[in-house]
Amino acid sequence: MTDQPTLAGLAADLDSGRTTSRQLVEACLAAIADPKGEGERVFIHVDKAAALAAADAMDALRKVRAAPSPFAGIPVSIKDLFDIRGQVTTAGSRVLEDSAPAEADALAVARLRRAGFVVIGRTNMTEFAYSGIGINPHYGTPKGAWQRDVGHVPGGSSAGAAVSVLDGMAHGALGTDTGGSCRIPAAYNGIVGYKPTQRRVPLDGAVPLSSSLDSIGPLARTVACCAAMDAVLADESFTPLVPRPIRGMRLAVPTTIALDDLDEAVAKTFERALATLEQHGAIIERIAVPEFLDIGPISSKGGFAAAESYAWHRYLLTSRGSEYDPRVSVRIMRGESQSAADYIDLFAARRSMIERAEARIAPYDALVLPTTANTPPSIANMADDKAFAKANILSLRNCTLINMIDGCAISLPAHRQGEVPVGLMLAGAGGSDRRIFELAAGIEGVIRG
């Protein structure tokens, strides 16, 4: 990814006149339209005319020094989970195709537009965001970064979002993360994905999976790119990211659950990254986090995702259930058997777990763990339901640990050139977003060394 431009680099090029927004948008549109590329599977809808018009508007504003932000004119993609005014939000499904067009942009989309980002189109995703693999039987599955000639999954649920950035179809992507859906596709494609503290970005205008766990975050090429987009999404003024020195960082590796059943390549890459960080002066301690053991029992009946998604989908499932991806509908239907008491109990159990976990990790700057336990499986192998179920659990497991403790986390590429993509995750308690960005900026340039 180092040969592709960062948001800061593009902002500087736009400011100096070395490029224009129209040129950037035209290049992205060309990448999308390339018949040898993944554009047809990455995008559910391309906003060609609107994107070009917006680009021209940003170029005109920049000429009179009235650009709304340094990033005005940079094209980004939007996950098909978000409302865009005048378009139907299908959430990667066929059952919403005949819905009324959205009357307003989702708040996250509106904030990106207000900063001058240009919406290039809607990206493909796991149907209704309910999987970490990225397979979509309705709109096709874009091939991820690893061994394109074979075809490996892109990770989900923000599948098209990650590949749009990877292949230069957009320079940043808006995604969501309920149990890893920004971080998993980032890890599988060698880019950066961020899951903010949930309360940081309003969910208005996004189709819900789990209102208790859903988070809205960016996928981009660097930590600084994600930090810039996150500031816009959180409606904060952007201040340049100052990387923290590695020397003296206190990082905790959770030995509970997070290191179980790792693919050999994941374990090797992760341990190499830890050794590199120690060589640069980081203090790394392996600790038990027994609170993570609570997650299994809490989720034994499907947890928040099943209960809350069933509440949203129950009438659609009655009328159009046969049109769902069966792998999605079967997970949603687990919520049907949960009682009101079961659902209320989830909140008390989670609240207790969060309090205990936050106290345990408080002495450390961050947790550090593999983003996923597995490497990207081949698309062909995912035709088998048992193989899919196993891979899906391994993809989601570590990321879900952080969602369940209401934390924030970032996935960084940790593999070397030519190796299978592996992500390293830094995570902290809710509200520690800025610290996580600073730590990640400090390590991103060395962990692949």
Protein backbone atom coordinates (compact mmCIF):
# COMPACT_ATOMS: atom_id res chain seq x y z
CA MET A 1 0.00 0.00 0.00
CA THR A 2 2.99 2.32 0.32
CA ASP A 3 2.87 3.31 -3.34
CA GLN A 4 -0.69 4.59 -3.02
CA PRO A 5 -1.43 8.11 -1.81
CA THR A 6 -2.48 9.03 1.71
CA LEU A 7 -5.20 11.53 2.49
CA ALA A 8 -2.57 14.01 3.68
CA GLY A 9 -0.62 13.57 0.45
CA LEU A 10 -3.73 14.02 -1.67
CA ALA A 11 -4.71 17.10 0.34
CA ALA A 12 -1.28 18.61 -0.31
CA ASP A 13 -1.51 17.79 -4.02
CA LEU A 14 -4.94 19.40 -4.26
CA ASP A 15 -3.79 22.47 -2.35
CA SER A 16 -0.73 22.97 -4.57
CA GLY A 17 -2.60 22.37 -7.81
CA ARG A 18 -0.61 19.24 -8.67
CA THR A 19 -3.94 17.47 -9.10
CA THR A 20 -7.65 18.27 -9.11
CA SER A 21 -10.65 16.58 -7.60
CA ARG A 22 -11.93 15.81 -11.10
CA GLN A 23 -8.68 14.00 -11.91
CA LEU A 24 -8.91 11.98 -8.70
CA VAL A 25 -12.52 11.04 -9.32
CA GLU A 26 -11.88 10.12 -12.96
CA ALA A 27 -9.01 7.86 -11.90
CA CYS A 28 -11.21 6.12 -9.34
CA LEU A 29 -14.01 5.69 -11.88
CA ALA A 30 -11.53 4.20 -14.34
CA ALA A 31 -10.36 1.70 -11.72
CA ILE A 32 -13.97 0.75 -10.99
CA ALA A 33 -14.73 0.28 -14.69
CA ASP A 34 -11.60 -1.77 -15.43
CA PRO A 35 -12.96 -5.08 -16.81
CA LYS A 36 -9.93 -6.89 -15.37
CA GLY A 37 -10.60 -5.54 -11.89
CA GLU A 38 -13.08 -6.15 -9.10
CA GLY A 39 -15.21 -3.04 -9.58
CA GLU A 40 -18.32 -4.88 -10.70
CA ARG A 41 -18.33 -6.89 -7.47
CA VAL A 42 -17.02 -4.12 -5.21
CA PHE A 43 -19.75 -1.59 -6.01
CA ILE A 44 -23.50 -2.08 -5.86
CA HIS A 45 -23.99 1.42 -7.27
CA VAL A 46 -21.53 3.95 -8.72
CA ASP A 47 -22.38 7.66 -8.39
CA LYS A 48 -20.55 8.67 -11.59
CA ALA A 49 -22.46 11.81 -12.55
CA ALA A 50 -22.90 13.05 -8.98
CA ALA A 51 -19.25 12.38 -8.13
CA LEU A 52 -17.99 14.31 -11.15
CA ALA A 53 -20.33 17.20 -10.35
CA ALA A 54 -19.17 17.25 -6.74
CA ALA A 55 -15.54 17.14 -7.88
CA ASP A 56 -16.04 20.14 -10.13
CA ALA A 57 -17.73 21.99 -7.26
CA MET A 58 -14.83 21.28 -4.90
CA ASP A 59 -12.30 22.36 -7.54
CA ALA A 60 -14.20 25.62 -7.98
CA LEU A 61 -14.26 26.23 -4.23
CA ARG A 62 -10.56 25.45 -3.92
CA LYS A 63 -9.74 28.01 -6.63
CA VAL A 64 -11.23 30.75 -4.48
CA ARG A 65 -9.66 29.33 -1.28
CA ALA A 66 -13.07 28.29 0.05
CA ALA A 67 -12.59 24.52 0.32
CA PRO A 68 -14.53 23.28 3.38
CA SER A 69 -11.56 21.18 4.62
CA PRO A 70 -8.08 20.11 3.48
CA PHE A 71 -9.66 16.86 2.26
CA ALA A 72 -12.27 18.50 0.04
CA GLY A 73 -12.43 16.78 -3.33
CA ILE A 74 -11.07 13.38 -2.25
CA PRO A 75 -13.28 10.46 -3.37
CA VAL A 76 -14.48 7.96 -0.77
CA SER A 77 -16.79 4.95 -0.90
CA ILE A 78 -19.85 4.35 1.27
CA LYS A 79 -20.93 0.93 2.55
CA ASP A 80 -24.37 -0.05 1.28
CA LEU A 81 -25.63 0.04 4.87
CA PHE A 82 -25.89 3.86 4.85
CA ASP A 83 -28.64 6.08 3.50
CA ILE A 84 -27.69 8.35 0.62
CA ARG A 85 -30.37 10.84 -0.33
CA GLY A 86 -32.32 9.74 -3.39
CA GLN A 87 -30.98 6.18 -3.36
CA VAL A 88 -32.35 2.90 -2.06
CA THR A 89 -30.33 1.43 0.81
CA THR A 90 -30.23 -2.30 0.11
CA ALA A 91 -27.77 -3.40 2.84
CA GLY A 92 -26.30 -5.99 0.47
CA SER A 93 -29.69 -7.68 0.12
CA ARG A 94 -32.39 -8.13 -2.52
CA VAL A 95 -35.27 -7.84 -0.08
CA LEU A 96 -34.93 -4.06 0.24
CA GLU A 97 -34.58 -3.31 -3.48
CA ASP A 98 -38.14 -2.04 -3.79
CA SER A 99 -37.90 0.21 -0.71
CA ALA A 100 -38.38 3.95 -1.02
CA PRO A 101 -35.26 6.02 -1.73
CA ALA A 102 -33.72 7.69 1.32
CA GLU A 103 -34.96 11.20 1.97
CA ALA A 104 -31.70 12.30 3.61
CA ASP A 105 -28.09 11.24 3.93
CA ALA A 106 -27.09 9.21 6.97
CA LEU A 107 -25.44 11.53 9.47
CA ALA A 108 -22.02 9.95 8.88
CA VAL A 109 -22.38 10.47 5.12
CA ALA A 110 -23.55 14.04 5.65
CA ARG A 111 -20.49 14.79 7.76
CA LEU A 112 -18.16 13.43 5.09
CA ARG A 113 -19.90 15.54 2.46
CA ARG A 114 -19.73 18.61 4.69
CA ALA A 115 -15.94 18.18 4.81
CA GLY A 116 -15.93 18.06 1.01
CA PHE A 117 -15.28 14.34 0.52
CA VAL A 118 -16.76 13.12 -2.76
CA VAL A 119 -19.02 10.05 -2.62
CA ILE A 120 -17.94 7.70 -5.42
CA GLY A 121 -20.54 4.96 -4.80
CA ARG A 122 -22.05 2.30 -2.57
CA THR A 123 -19.92 -0.74 -1.74
CA ASN A 124 -20.92 -4.37 -1.57
CA MET A 125 -21.13 -6.11 1.80
CA THR A 126 -22.25 -9.22 3.59
CA GLU A 127 -26.05 -9.19 3.53
CA PHE A 128 -27.28 -7.10 6.46
CA ALA A 129 -23.69 -7.03 7.80
CA TYR A 130 -24.06 -10.44 9.46
CA SER A 131 -20.71 -12.19 8.80
CA GLY A 132 -16.97 -11.63 9.03
CA ILE A 133 -16.17 -13.43 5.76
CA GLY A 134 -17.58 -11.10 3.10
CA ILE A 135 -19.45 -13.55 0.88
CA ASN A 136 -22.50 -12.13 -0.91
CA PRO A 137 -24.65 -14.51 -3.00
CA HIS A 138 -26.77 -11.65 -4.40
CA TYR A 139 -24.20 -9.21 -5.75
CA GLY A 140 -21.11 -11.40 -6.01
CA THR A 141 -18.03 -11.54 -3.81
CA PRO A 142 -15.05 -9.30 -4.58
CA LYS A 143 -11.68 -11.02 -4.44
CA GLY A 144 -9.43 -9.86 -1.63
CA ALA A 145 -5.77 -8.92 -1.79
CA TRP A 146 -4.30 -12.39 -1.34
CA GLN A 147 -3.66 -14.53 -4.45
CA ARG A 148 -6.14 -12.94 -6.81
CA ASP A 149 -5.57 -15.76 -9.29
CA VAL A 150 -7.01 -18.18 -6.71
CA GLY A 151 -9.63 -15.88 -5.17
CA HIS A 152 -9.71 -15.35 -1.41
CA VAL A 153 -12.46 -13.72 0.61
CA PRO A 154 -12.24 -9.97 1.25
CA GLY A 155 -13.44 -10.16 4.84
CA GLY A 156 -16.72 -8.78 6.06
CA SER A 157 -18.96 -7.31 6.47
CA SER A 158 -17.40 -4.17 4.91
CA ALA A 159 -16.07 -6.27 2.05
CA GLY A 160 -16.33 -3.88 -0.88
CA ALA A 161 -15.19 -1.01 1.34
CA ALA A 162 -11.77 -2.60 1.89
CA VAL A 163 -11.23 -3.63 -1.74
CA SER A 164 -12.28 -0.19 -2.97
CA VAL A 165 -9.35 1.31 -1.04
CA LEU A 166 -6.99 -1.54 -1.87
CA ASP A 167 -7.55 -1.18 -5.61
CA GLY A 168 -7.60 2.61 -5.82
CA MET A 169 -11.34 2.87 -6.49
CA ALA A 170 -11.59 5.24 -3.52
CA HIS A 171 -9.07 6.80 -1.14
CA GLY A 172 -11.01 6.03 2.01
CA ALA A 173 -14.13 4.05 2.87
CA LEU A 174 -17.00 4.37 5.30
CA GLY A 175 -17.76 1.10 7.06
CA THR A 176 -19.42 -0.31 10.14
CA ASP A 177 -18.11 -2.60 12.86
CA THR A 178 -20.37 -4.72 15.09
CA GLY A 179 -17.94 -7.59 15.69
CA GLY A 180 -15.03 -6.65 13.45
CA SER A 181 -16.54 -5.50 10.17
CA CYS A 182 -14.04 -2.66 9.66
CA ARG A 183 -11.02 -4.47 11.12
CA ILE A 184 -11.45 -7.91 9.52
CA PRO A 185 -11.53 -6.72 5.89
CA ALA A 186 -8.68 -4.33 6.70
CA ALA A 187 -6.62 -7.24 8.05
CA TYR A 188 -7.43 -9.49 5.10
CA ASN A 189 -6.43 -6.80 2.59
CA GLY A 190 -3.38 -5.23 4.18
CA ILE A 191 -4.91 -1.84 4.96
CA VAL A 192 -5.95 -0.04 8.17
CA GLY A 193 -9.40 -0.31 9.72
CA TYR A 194 -10.71 1.49 12.78
CA LYS A 195 -13.54 0.70 15.21
CA PRO A 196 -14.24 3.74 17.39
CA THR A 197 -15.80 3.88 20.80
CA GLN A 198 -19.41 3.20 19.88
CA ARG A 199 -20.88 6.43 21.21
CA ARG A 200 -18.36 8.45 19.19
CA VAL A 201 -20.24 8.42 15.86
CA PRO A 202 -24.07 8.57 15.69
CA LEU A 203 -25.79 5.62 14.00
CA ASP A 204 -28.56 7.71 12.40
CA GLY A 205 -29.36 6.63 8.86
CA ALA A 206 -27.55 3.29 8.96
CA VAL A 207 -29.43 -0.03 8.75
CA PRO A 208 -28.86 -1.64 12.17
CA LEU A 209 -27.43 -5.05 12.91
CA SER A 210 -27.12 -4.64 16.68
CA SER A 211 -27.88 -1.25 18.15
CA SER A 212 -25.89 -2.18 21.27
CA LEU A 213 -22.73 -3.07 19.35
CA ASP A 214 -22.82 -1.27 15.98
CA SER A 215 -20.01 1.24 15.44
CA ILE A 216 -19.23 3.44 12.42
CA GLY A 217 -15.63 3.68 11.32
CA PRO A 218 -13.22 4.23 8.43
CA LEU A 219 -11.03 1.96 6.32
CA ALA A 220 -8.02 3.61 4.71
CA ARG A 221 -4.31 3.22 3.91
CA THR A 222 -2.66 4.58 7.04
CA VAL A 223 -3.38 5.30 10.67
CA ALA A 224 -3.34 9.04 9.95
CA CYS A 225 -5.89 8.55 7.16
CA CYS A 226 -8.23 6.73 9.53
CA ALA A 227 -7.70 9.35 12.24
CA ALA A 228 -8.61 12.13 9.81
CA MET A 229 -11.80 10.41 8.69
CA ASP A 230 -12.69 9.50 12.27
CA ALA A 231 -12.42 13.15 13.31
CA VAL A 232 -14.84 14.12 10.55
CA LEU A 233 -17.25 11.32 11.46
CA ALA A 234 -17.14 12.29 15.14
CA ASP A 235 -17.65 15.96 14.26
CA GLU A 236 -14.36 16.98 15.85
CA SER A 237 -11.76 19.42 14.59
CA PHE A 238 -8.87 17.55 13.03
CA THR A 239 -5.48 17.99 14.64
CA PRO A 240 -2.38 16.34 13.16
CA LEU A 241 -1.61 12.98 14.71
CA VAL A 242 1.59 12.89 16.79
CA PRO A 243 2.96 9.31 16.94
CA ARG A 244 3.90 8.04 20.39
CA PRO A 245 7.45 6.74 20.82
CA ILE A 246 7.57 2.97 20.99
CA ARG A 247 10.12 3.04 23.80
CA GLY A 248 8.20 2.80 27.04
CA MET A 249 4.86 1.73 25.54
CA ARG A 250 3.10 -0.67 27.91
CA LEU A 251 1.26 -3.25 25.85
CA ALA A 252 -0.68 -6.24 27.19
CA VAL A 253 -1.18 -9.41 25.17
CA PRO A 254 -4.40 -11.12 26.36
CA THR A 255 -3.74 -14.83 26.67
CA THR A 256 -7.41 -15.63 27.30
CA ILE A 257 -9.12 -16.77 24.05
CA ALA A 258 -7.25 -14.30 21.79
CA LEU A 259 -4.28 -16.60 21.09
CA ASP A 260 -6.26 -19.86 20.76
CA ASP A 261 -6.29 -21.80 17.47
CA LEU A 262 -4.27 -19.29 15.46
CA ASP A 263 -3.33 -20.13 11.89
CA GLU A 264 0.40 -20.77 11.68
CA ALA A 265 0.99 -17.65 9.57
CA VAL A 266 -0.98 -15.50 12.02
CA ALA A 267 0.96 -16.80 15.04
CA LYS A 268 4.32 -16.38 13.29
CA THR A 269 3.59 -12.86 12.06
CA PHE A 270 2.16 -11.76 15.41
CA GLU A 271 5.11 -13.03 17.43
CA ARG A 272 7.54 -11.42 14.98
CA ALA A 273 5.74 -8.10 15.39
CA LEU A 274 5.90 -8.38 19.18
CA ALA A 275 9.62 -9.13 19.05
CA THR A 276 10.17 -6.11 16.83
CA LEU A 277 8.26 -3.87 19.22
CA GLU A 278 10.30 -5.17 22.16
CA GLN A 279 13.49 -4.47 20.22
CA HIS A 280 12.32 -0.88 19.88
CA GLY A 281 11.73 -0.56 23.61
CA ALA A 282 8.10 -1.52 24.12
CA ILE A 283 7.23 -3.25 27.40
CA ILE A 284 5.05 -6.23 26.54
CA GLU A 285 3.30 -8.31 29.18
CA ARG A 286 1.13 -11.36 28.61
CA ILE A 287 -1.91 -11.25 30.87
CA ALA A 288 -5.02 -13.30 31.48
CA VAL A 289 -8.28 -11.45 30.84
CA PRO A 290 -10.83 -13.81 32.41
CA GLU A 291 -13.63 -11.35 31.58
CA PHE A 292 -13.39 -12.55 27.98
CA LEU A 293 -14.65 -15.94 29.19
CA ASP A 294 -17.98 -14.27 30.01
CA ILE A 295 -18.68 -13.57 26.34
CA GLY A 296 -19.51 -17.17 25.46
CA PRO A 297 -22.25 -17.53 28.07
CA ILE A 298 -23.58 -14.04 27.34
CA SER A 299 -23.89 -14.92 23.64
CA SER A 300 -25.09 -18.50 24.09
CA LYS A 301 -28.57 -17.70 22.71
CA GLY A 302 -27.26 -15.42 19.98
CA GLY A 303 -26.55 -12.43 22.19
CA PHE A 304 -27.27 -8.83 21.27
CA ALA A 305 -26.84 -9.32 17.53
CA ALA A 306 -29.47 -12.06 17.23
CA ALA A 307 -31.97 -10.36 19.55
CA GLU A 308 -31.70 -6.90 18.04
CA SER A 309 -31.48 -7.99 14.41
CA TYR A 310 -34.51 -10.26 14.85
CA ALA A 311 -36.52 -7.34 16.19
CA TRP A 312 -35.69 -5.35 13.04
CA HIS A 313 -36.10 -8.22 10.54
CA ARG A 314 -38.99 -10.25 11.92
CA TYR A 315 -41.66 -8.96 9.54
CA LEU A 316 -39.37 -9.08 6.50
CA LEU A 317 -38.43 -12.65 7.38
CA THR A 318 -42.10 -13.59 7.52
CA SER A 319 -42.89 -12.10 4.12
CA ARG A 320 -39.60 -12.55 2.21
CA GLY A 321 -37.47 -14.92 4.25
CA SER A 322 -36.75 -17.17 1.26
CA GLU A 323 -34.89 -14.30 -0.43
CA TYR A 324 -32.34 -13.95 2.39
CA ASP A 325 -28.91 -15.57 2.31
CA PRO A 326 -29.69 -18.66 4.44
CA ARG A 327 -26.42 -18.18 6.35
CA VAL A 328 -27.69 -14.78 7.43
CA SER A 329 -31.32 -15.62 8.17
CA VAL A 330 -30.42 -18.61 10.34
CA ARG A 331 -28.32 -16.36 12.58
CA ILE A 332 -31.02 -13.71 12.80
CA MET A 333 -33.64 -16.32 13.69
CA ARG A 334 -31.70 -17.23 16.84
CA GLY A 335 -33.18 -14.06 18.27
CA GLU A 336 -36.72 -15.42 18.00
CA SER A 337 -36.24 -17.71 20.99
CA GLN A 338 -34.85 -15.04 23.30
CA SER A 339 -37.28 -13.78 25.91
CA ALA A 340 -37.52 -10.23 27.18
CA ALA A 341 -35.87 -11.44 30.39
CA ASP A 342 -33.00 -12.99 28.40
CA TYR A 343 -32.47 -9.69 26.62
CA ILE A 344 -32.53 -7.63 29.82
CA ASP A 345 -30.05 -10.04 31.40
CA LEU A 346 -27.61 -9.35 28.55
CA PHE A 347 -27.25 -5.73 29.61
CA ALA A 348 -26.50 -6.50 33.24
CA ALA A 349 -23.99 -9.20 32.32
CA ARG A 350 -22.23 -6.97 29.81
CA ARG A 351 -22.14 -3.98 32.15
CA SER A 352 -20.42 -6.07 34.82
CA MET A 353 -17.96 -7.49 32.29
CA ILE A 354 -17.06 -4.01 30.98
CA GLU A 355 -16.37 -2.68 34.47
CA ARG A 356 -14.09 -5.59 35.35
CA ALA A 357 -12.29 -5.60 32.01
CA GLU A 358 -11.63 -1.86 32.11
CA ALA A 359 -10.11 -2.17 35.59
CA ARG A 360 -7.90 -5.03 34.43
CA ILE A 361 -6.48 -3.27 31.36
CA ALA A 362 -6.19 0.20 32.95
CA PRO A 363 -2.44 -0.14 33.80
CA TYR A 364 -1.56 -0.60 30.11
CA ASP A 365 -1.47 1.75 27.16
CA ALA A 366 -3.27 -0.81 25.00
CA LEU A 367 -4.06 -4.44 24.40
CA VAL A 368 -2.26 -6.00 21.44
CA LEU A 369 -3.58 -9.13 19.74
CA PRO A 370 -4.05 -10.65 16.27
CA THR A 371 -6.97 -9.01 14.47
CA THR A 372 -8.21 -12.38 13.22
CA ALA A 373 -7.25 -15.88 14.24
CA ASN A 374 -7.17 -17.00 10.61
CA THR A 375 -5.85 -15.89 7.24
CA PRO A 376 -8.27 -15.21 4.37
CA PRO A 377 -9.86 -18.51 3.25
CA SER A 378 -10.43 -19.15 -0.43
CA ILE A 379 -13.83 -18.22 -1.82
CA ALA A 380 -14.22 -21.73 -3.26
CA ASN A 381 -13.79 -23.35 0.16
CA MET A 382 -16.57 -21.19 1.59
CA ALA A 383 -19.15 -23.13 -0.47
CA ASP A 384 -19.08 -25.74 2.31
CA ASP A 385 -21.29 -24.67 5.22
CA LYS A 386 -19.10 -26.25 7.89
CA ALA A 387 -15.96 -24.64 6.52
CA PHE A 388 -17.76 -21.31 6.33
CA ALA A 389 -19.02 -21.53 9.91
CA LYS A 390 -15.55 -22.34 11.25
CA ALA A 391 -13.86 -19.59 9.26
CA ASN A 392 -16.52 -17.07 10.24
CA ILE A 393 -16.03 -17.74 13.95
CA LEU A 394 -12.24 -17.44 13.64
CA SER A 395 -12.53 -14.20 11.70
CA LEU A 396 -14.87 -12.55 14.21
CA ARG A 397 -13.64 -13.90 17.53
CA ASN A 398 -10.87 -11.51 18.52
CA CYS A 399 -12.58 -8.40 17.21
CA THR A 400 -15.78 -9.30 19.06
CA LEU A 401 -13.86 -9.33 22.36
CA ILE A 402 -13.34 -5.59 21.98
CA ASN A 403 -16.89 -4.76 20.86
CA MET A 404 -18.26 -6.61 23.85
CA ILE A 405 -16.15 -4.60 26.34
CA ASP A 406 -17.27 -1.38 24.60
CA GLY A 407 -13.72 -0.62 23.51
CA CYS A 408 -12.05 0.99 20.54
CA ALA A 409 -9.52 -0.73 18.28
CA ILE A 410 -7.45 -0.44 15.14
CA SER A 411 -6.09 -3.11 12.78
CA LEU A 412 -2.68 -2.56 11.18
CA PRO A 413 -1.02 -4.72 8.51
CA ALA A 414 1.74 -6.76 10.15
CA HIS A 415 2.82 -9.03 7.28
CA ARG A 416 5.75 -8.48 4.94
CA GLN A 417 5.63 -8.03 1.18
CA GLY A 418 4.60 -11.28 -0.48
CA GLU A 419 3.24 -12.86 2.69
CA VAL A 420 -0.39 -13.66 3.38
CA PRO A 421 -2.12 -10.61 4.93
CA VAL A 422 -2.20 -10.60 8.74
CA GLY A 423 -3.54 -7.81 10.95
CA LEU A 424 -2.28 -6.68 14.33
CA MET A 425 -4.87 -5.05 16.57
CA LEU A 426 -4.33 -2.37 19.20
CA ALA A 427 -7.30 -1.90 21.49
CA GLY A 428 -8.28 0.13 24.52
CA ALA A 429 -11.21 0.89 26.78
CA GLY A 430 -14.02 3.07 25.49
CA GLY A 431 -12.99 6.71 25.19
CA SER A 432 -9.29 6.05 24.55
CA ASP A 433 -9.57 6.64 20.80
CA ARG A 434 -6.93 9.35 20.55
CA ARG A 435 -4.40 7.31 22.51
CA ILE A 436 -4.98 4.27 20.30
CA PHE A 437 -4.40 6.38 17.18
CA GLU A 438 -1.17 7.82 18.64
CA LEU A 439 0.13 4.38 19.62
CA ALA A 440 -0.78 2.92 16.25
CA ALA A 441 0.93 5.79 14.42
CA GLY A 442 4.03 5.07 16.45
CA ILE A 443 4.23 1.40 15.55
CA GLU A 444 2.82 1.17 12.02
CA GLY A 445 6.16 1.93 10.37
CA VAL A 446 8.12 -0.77 12.21
CA ILE A 447 5.91 -3.80 12.93
CA ARG A 448 6.46 -5.27 9.47
CA GLY A 449 10.23 -4.87 9.76
